[in-house]
C-alpha atoms as a PDB file:
ATOM      1  CA  UNK A   1      -4.479  -9.949 -18.115  1.00  0.00           C
ATOM      2  CA  UNK A   2      -4.154  -6.345 -16.740  1.00  0.00           C
ATOM      3  CA  UNK A   3      -7.993  -7.272 -15.311  1.00  0.00           C
ATOM      4  CA  UNK A   4      -6.892  -9.969 -13.441  1.00  0.00           C
ATOM      5  CA  UNK A   5      -3.682  -8.636 -11.856  1.00  0.00           C
ATOM      6  CA  UNK A   6      -5.461  -5.860 -10.251  1.00  0.00           C
ATOM      7  CA  UNK A   7      -8.326  -8.470  -9.419  1.00  0.00           C
ATOM      8  CA  UNK A   8      -5.983 -10.584  -7.718  1.00  0.00           C
ATOM      9  CA  UNK A   9      -4.414  -7.861  -5.865  1.00  0.00           C
ATOM     10  CA  UNK A  10      -7.697  -7.026  -4.440  1.00  0.00           C
ATOM     11  CA  UNK A  11      -8.735 -10.030  -2.888  1.00  0.00           C
ATOM     12  CA  UNK A  12      -5.292 -10.535  -1.850  1.00  0.00           C
ATOM     13  CA  UNK A  13      -5.260  -7.008  -0.072  1.00  0.00           C
ATOM     14  CA  UNK A  14      -8.841  -7.710   1.344  1.00  0.00           C
ATOM     15  CA  UNK A  15      -6.718 -11.551   2.781  1.00  0.00           C
ATOM     16  CA  UNK A  16      -3.893  -9.986   3.640  1.00  0.00           C
ATOM     17  CA  UNK A  17      -5.506  -6.758   6.020  1.00  0.00           C
ATOM     18  CA  UNK A  18      -7.747 -10.028   7.755  1.00  0.00           C
ATOM     19  CA  UNK A  19      -4.568 -11.912   8.282  1.00  0.00           C
ATOM     20  CA  UNK A  20      -2.943  -8.742   9.628  1.00  0.00           C
ATOM     21  CA  UNK A  21      -6.122  -8.384  12.274  1.00  0.00           C
ATOM     22  CA  UNK A  22      -6.312 -11.659  13.596  1.00  0.00           C
ATOM     23  CA  UNK A  23      -2.135 -11.369  13.857  1.00  0.00           C
ATOM     24  CA  UNK A  24      -2.871  -8.599  15.905  1.00  0.00           C
ATOM     25  CA  UNK A  25      -5.427 -10.460  18.026  1.00  0.00           C
ATOM     26  CA  UNK A  26      -3.685 -14.040  18.721  1.00  0.00           C
ATOM     27  CA  UNK A  27      -0.018 -12.910  17.708  1.00  0.00           C
ATOM     28  CA  UNK A  28       1.382 -15.558  15.783  1.00  0.00           C
ATOM     29  CA  UNK A  29       0.204 -18.960  17.667  1.00  0.00           C
ATOM     30  CA  UNK A  30      -0.444 -20.142  14.107  1.00  0.00           C
ATOM     31  CA  UNK A  31       2.837 -21.146  14.044  1.00  0.00           C
ATOM     32  CA  UNK A  32       2.454 -24.304  16.029  1.00  0.00           C
ATOM     33  CA  UNK A  33       0.641 -26.205  13.777  1.00  0.00           C
ATOM     34  CA  UNK A  34       2.064 -28.405  11.555  1.00  0.00           C
ATOM     35  CA  UNK A  35       0.953 -28.971   8.111  1.00  0.00           C
ATOM     36  CA  UNK A  36      -1.358 -32.062   8.635  1.00  0.00           C
ATOM     37  CA  UNK A  37      -3.288 -29.174  10.628  1.00  0.00           C
ATOM     38  CA  UNK A  38      -3.259 -26.757   7.983  1.00  0.00           C
ATOM     39  CA  UNK A  39      -4.302 -29.059   5.607  1.00  0.00           C
ATOM     40  CA  UNK A  40      -7.241 -30.300   7.515  1.00  0.00           C
ATOM     41  CA  UNK A  41      -7.876 -26.574   8.501  1.00  0.00           C
ATOM     42  CA  UNK A  42      -8.271 -26.112   5.148  1.00  0.00           C
ATOM     43  CA  UNK A  43      -9.870 -29.139   3.809  1.00  0.00           C
ATOM     44  CA  UNK A  44     -12.551 -27.941   6.399  1.00  0.00           C
ATOM     45  CA  UNK A  45     -13.089 -24.649   4.559  1.00  0.00           C
ATOM     46  CA  UNK A  46     -13.057 -26.754   1.460  1.00  0.00           C
ATOM     47  CA  UNK A  47     -15.454 -28.561   2.425  1.00  0.00           C
ATOM     48  CA  UNK A  48     -18.658 -25.911   4.088  1.00  0.00           C
ATOM     49  CA  UNK A  49     -18.109 -23.865   0.678  1.00  0.00           C
ATOM     50  CA  UNK A  50     -19.116 -27.271  -1.123  1.00  0.00           C
ATOM     51  CA  UNK A  51     -21.692 -27.973   1.881  1.00  0.00           C
ATOM     52  CA  UNK A  52     -23.262 -23.778   0.816  1.00  0.00           C
ATOM     53  CA  UNK A  53     -23.303 -24.755  -2.920  1.00  0.00           C
ATOM     54  CA  UNK A  54     -24.782 -27.854  -2.382  1.00  0.00           C
ATOM     55  CA  UNK A  55     -27.940 -26.929   0.433  1.00  0.00           C
ATOM     56  CA  UNK A  56     -30.676 -25.083   0.684  1.00  0.00           C
ATOM     57  CA  UNK A  57     -30.578 -24.050   3.799  1.00  0.00           C
ATOM     58  CA  UNK A  58     -27.498 -22.371   5.500  1.00  0.00           C
ATOM     59  CA  UNK A  59     -27.445 -22.751   9.150  1.00  0.00           C
ATOM     60  CA  UNK A  60     -23.973 -20.312  10.007  1.00  0.00           C
ATOM     61  CA  UNK A  61     -24.591 -16.358   8.614  1.00  0.00           C
ATOM     62  CA  UNK A  62     -21.114 -16.393   6.730  1.00  0.00           C
ATOM     63  CA  UNK A  63     -20.822 -17.405   3.340  1.00  0.00           C
ATOM     64  CA  UNK A  64     -18.363 -19.055   0.538  1.00  0.00           C
ATOM     65  CA  UNK A  65     -16.374 -15.290   0.773  1.00  0.00           C
ATOM     66  CA  UNK A  66     -15.201 -15.546   4.019  1.00  0.00           C
ATOM     67  CA  UNK A  67     -14.558 -19.456   3.202  1.00  0.00           C
ATOM     68  CA  UNK A  68     -12.090 -18.300   0.451  1.00  0.00           C
ATOM     69  CA  UNK A  69     -10.560 -16.056   2.430  1.00  0.00           C
ATOM     70  CA  UNK A  70      -9.680 -18.474   4.975  1.00  0.00           C
ATOM     71  CA  UNK A  71      -8.147 -20.747   2.397  1.00  0.00           C
ATOM     72  CA  UNK A  72      -6.190 -18.061   1.211  1.00  0.00           C
ATOM     73  CA  UNK A  73      -4.609 -17.480   4.838  1.00  0.00           C
ATOM     74  CA  UNK A  74      -4.317 -20.684   5.781  1.00  0.00           C
ATOM     75  CA  UNK A  75      -2.435 -21.715   2.584  1.00  0.00           C
ATOM     76  CA  UNK A  76       0.005 -18.923   3.166  1.00  0.00           C
ATOM     77  CA  UNK A  77       0.884 -20.131   6.809  1.00  0.00           C
ATOM     78  CA  UNK A  78       1.711 -23.422   5.123  1.00  0.00           C
ATOM     79  CA  UNK A  79       3.573 -22.168   2.971  1.00  0.00           C
ATOM     80  CA  UNK A  80       5.452 -20.099   5.638  1.00  0.00           C
ATOM     81  CA  UNK A  81       5.699 -23.337   7.454  1.00  0.00           C
ATOM     82  CA  UNK A  82       7.530 -25.243   4.469  1.00  0.00           C
ATOM     83  CA  UNK A  83       9.765 -22.387   4.537  1.00  0.00           C
ATOM     84  CA  UNK A  84      10.259 -22.148   8.327  1.00  0.00           C
ATOM     85  CA  UNK A  85       9.597 -24.925  10.469  1.00  0.00           C
ATOM     86  CA  UNK A  86       6.951 -25.597  12.808  1.00  0.00           C
ATOM     87  CA  UNK A  87       8.105 -23.927  16.606  1.00  0.00           C
ATOM     88  CA  UNK A  88       6.777 -25.008  20.178  1.00  0.00           C
ATOM     89  CA  UNK A  89       5.784 -21.117  20.682  1.00  0.00           C
ATOM     90  CA  UNK A  90       4.225 -18.361  18.639  1.00  0.00           C
ATOM     91  CA  UNK A  91       7.911 -16.564  17.720  1.00  0.00           C
ATOM     92  CA  UNK A  92       7.261 -14.061  15.234  1.00  0.00           C
ATOM     93  CA  UNK A  93       6.211 -10.013  14.656  1.00  0.00           C
ATOM     94  CA  UNK A  94       3.434  -9.161  12.862  1.00  0.00           C
ATOM     95  CA  UNK A  95       5.731  -6.952  10.378  1.00  0.00           C
ATOM     96  CA  UNK A  96       7.821 -10.625   9.744  1.00  0.00           C
ATOM     97  CA  UNK A  97       4.841 -12.522   8.836  1.00  0.00           C
ATOM     98  CA  UNK A  98       3.853 -10.160   6.299  1.00  0.00           C
ATOM     99  CA  UNK A  99       7.424  -9.685   4.675  1.00  0.00           C
ATOM    100  CA  UNK A 100       6.350 -13.886   4.859  1.00  0.00           C
ATOM    101  CA  UNK A 101       3.035 -13.445   3.543  1.00  0.00           C
ATOM    102  CA  UNK A 102       4.076 -11.089   0.719  1.00  0.00           C
ATOM    103  CA  UNK A 103       6.661 -13.224  -0.330  1.00  0.00           C
ATOM    104  CA  UNK A 104       4.731 -16.268  -0.698  1.00  0.00           C
ATOM    105  CA  UNK A 105       1.992 -14.246  -2.525  1.00  0.00           C
ATOM    106  CA  UNK A 106       4.825 -12.918  -4.894  1.00  0.00           C
ATOM    107  CA  UNK A 107       6.198 -16.159  -5.729  1.00  0.00           C
ATOM    108  CA  UNK A 108       2.121 -17.513  -5.840  1.00  0.00           C
ATOM    109  CA  UNK A 109       0.513 -14.624  -8.318  1.00  0.00           C
ATOM    110  CA  UNK A 110       4.144 -14.811 -10.916  1.00  0.00           C
ATOM    111  CA  UNK A 111       2.760 -18.506 -10.557  1.00  0.00           C
ATOM    112  CA  UNK A 112      -0.728 -17.490 -11.515  1.00  0.00           C
ATOM    113  CA  UNK A 113       0.671 -15.071 -14.089  1.00  0.00           C
ATOM    114  CA  UNK A 114       2.289 -18.019 -16.213  1.00  0.00           C
ATOM    115  CA  UNK A 115      -0.125 -20.389 -16.236  1.00  0.00           C
ATOM    116  CA  UNK A 116      -3.019 -17.828 -17.161  1.00  0.00           C
ATOM    117  CA  UNK A 117      -0.824 -16.710 -19.624  1.00  0.00           C
ATOM    118  CA  UNK A 118      -0.703 -20.597 -20.990  1.00  0.00           C
ATOM    119  CA  UNK A 119      -4.217 -21.594 -20.647  1.00  0.00           C
ATOM    120  CA  UNK A 120      -5.886 -18.818 -22.034  1.00  0.00           C
ATOM    121  CA  UNK A 121      -7.599 -16.883 -18.775  1.00  0.00           C
ATOM    122  CA  UNK A 122      -9.747 -20.638 -18.778  1.00  0.00           C
ATOM    123  CA  UNK A 123     -10.436 -19.240 -15.459  1.00  0.00           C
ATOM    124  CA  UNK A 124     -12.974 -17.092 -16.268  1.00  0.00           C
ATOM    125  CA  UNK A 125     -15.094 -19.782 -17.906  1.00  0.00           C
ATOM    126  CA  UNK A 126     -15.477 -22.377 -14.992  1.00  0.00           C
ATOM    127  CA  UNK A 127     -18.216 -22.180 -12.267  1.00  0.00           C
ATOM    128  CA  UNK A 128     -16.831 -21.292  -8.861  1.00  0.00           C
ATOM    129  CA  UNK A 129     -18.327 -24.930  -7.681  1.00  0.00           C
ATOM    130  CA  UNK A 130     -15.346 -26.349 -10.175  1.00  0.00           C
ATOM    131  CA  UNK A 131     -13.154 -24.145  -8.790  1.00  0.00           C
ATOM    132  CA  UNK A 132     -13.987 -25.836  -4.746  1.00  0.00           C
ATOM    133  CA  UNK A 133     -13.517 -28.841  -6.507  1.00  0.00           C
ATOM    134  CA  UNK A 134     -10.359 -28.533  -7.585  1.00  0.00           C
ATOM    135  CA  UNK A 135      -8.995 -27.026  -4.349  1.00  0.00           C
ATOM    136  CA  UNK A 136     -10.743 -30.382  -2.148  1.00  0.00           C
ATOM    137  CA  UNK A 137      -9.163 -32.394  -5.172  1.00  0.00           C
ATOM    138  CA  UNK A 138      -5.420 -30.769  -4.097  1.00  0.00           C
ATOM    139  CA  UNK A 139      -6.121 -30.952  -0.732  1.00  0.00           C
ATOM    140  CA  UNK A 140      -6.687 -35.282  -1.172  1.00  0.00           C
ATOM    141  CA  UNK A 141      -3.247 -35.090  -2.759  1.00  0.00           C
ATOM    142  CA  UNK A 142      -1.454 -32.853  -0.522  1.00  0.00           C
ATOM    143  CA  UNK A 143      -3.043 -35.268   2.265  1.00  0.00           C
ATOM    144  CA  UNK A 144      -1.471 -38.125   0.567  1.00  0.00           C
ATOM    145  CA  UNK A 145       2.281 -36.438   0.041  1.00  0.00           C
ATOM    146  CA  UNK A 146       1.914 -35.594   4.212  1.00  0.00           C
ATOM    147  CA  UNK A 147       1.209 -39.222   4.556  1.00  0.00           C
ATOM    148  CA  UNK A 148       4.017 -40.397   2.006  1.00  0.00           C
ATOM    149  CA  UNK A 149       6.175 -37.811   4.543  1.00  0.00           C
ATOM    150  CA  UNK A 150       6.390 -35.983   1.446  1.00  0.00           C
ATOM    151  CA  UNK A 151       7.650 -37.761  -0.753  1.00  0.00           C
ATOM    152  CA  UNK A 152       6.661 -37.819  -4.666  1.00  0.00           C
ATOM    153  CA  UNK A 153       7.730 -40.016  -7.600  1.00  0.00           C
ATOM    154  CA  UNK A 154       6.935 -37.869 -10.064  1.00  0.00           C
ATOM    155  CA  UNK A 155       4.294 -35.196  -8.772  1.00  0.00           C
ATOM    156  CA  UNK A 156       4.749 -31.694  -8.085  1.00  0.00           C
ATOM    157  CA  UNK A 157       5.287 -30.748  -4.347  1.00  0.00           C
ATOM    158  CA  UNK A 158       3.462 -29.870  -0.985  1.00  0.00           C
ATOM    159  CA  UNK A 159       4.524 -26.448  -1.930  1.00  0.00           C
ATOM    160  CA  UNK A 160       2.442 -26.126  -4.962  1.00  0.00           C
ATOM    161  CA  UNK A 161      -0.387 -27.648  -4.217  1.00  0.00           C
ATOM    162  CA  UNK A 162      -1.251 -24.910  -1.656  1.00  0.00           C
ATOM    163  CA  UNK A 163      -0.077 -22.379  -4.330  1.00  0.00           C
ATOM    164  CA  UNK A 164      -2.672 -23.703  -7.177  1.00  0.00           C
ATOM    165  CA  UNK A 165      -5.738 -23.639  -4.056  1.00  0.00           C
ATOM    166  CA  UNK A 166      -4.635 -20.046  -3.521  1.00  0.00           C
ATOM    167  CA  UNK A 167      -4.888 -18.777  -7.219  1.00  0.00           C
ATOM    168  CA  UNK A 168      -8.151 -21.006  -7.295  1.00  0.00           C
ATOM    169  CA  UNK A 169      -9.775 -19.300  -4.552  1.00  0.00           C
ATOM    170  CA  UNK A 170      -8.909 -15.779  -5.441  1.00  0.00           C
ATOM    171  CA  UNK A 171     -10.080 -17.002  -8.722  1.00  0.00           C
ATOM    172  CA  UNK A 172     -13.129 -17.935  -7.068  1.00  0.00           C
ATOM    173  CA  UNK A 173     -13.575 -14.507  -5.336  1.00  0.00           C
ATOM    174  CA  UNK A 174     -13.023 -12.491  -8.643  1.00  0.00           C
ATOM    175  CA  UNK A 175     -16.275 -14.532  -9.919  1.00  0.00           C
ATOM    176  CA  UNK A 176     -17.865 -13.754  -6.359  1.00  0.00           C
ATOM    177  CA  UNK A 177     -17.752 -10.249  -6.469  1.00  0.00           C
ATOM    178  CA  UNK A 178     -19.470  -9.776  -9.550  1.00  0.00           C
ATOM    179  CA  UNK A 179     -22.960 -11.578  -8.691  1.00  0.00           C
END
């Protein structure tokens, strides 16, 4: 499991680096996005990945990796929005956003480590296409929870679904890095 932790960190380091660069370019414009908008952005990325996996022809010169990075970063934004709320104007410094990024990744990685222990690293035997399908399933669940104004009867909340999507995307990135 030590390899998993190192591999996880390497994926997150590349995602966080891109997040930081985009913060420099755009500031915290993402802070105005409501959760359904972030969910839809993640959905678009997951659908594109699925299309790349199914279609023989690719017309845009960006592969699955950049889309998985987008999923991870949009999920972190969503977790921050859940914690801080949506604002009308960008209001967050790069430093604060990176601190929150680290906070939510730390919580999400701990969840991965606990589940990974219990499931015996079963993800290592999964296909990237299956991880993509699981992300899409989680997105459909989140959309339903959003349609229910965030209420669930017996299911985990939106935050847990975003965390699972992050972890599935990291696992997919680890698989893709071996090809």
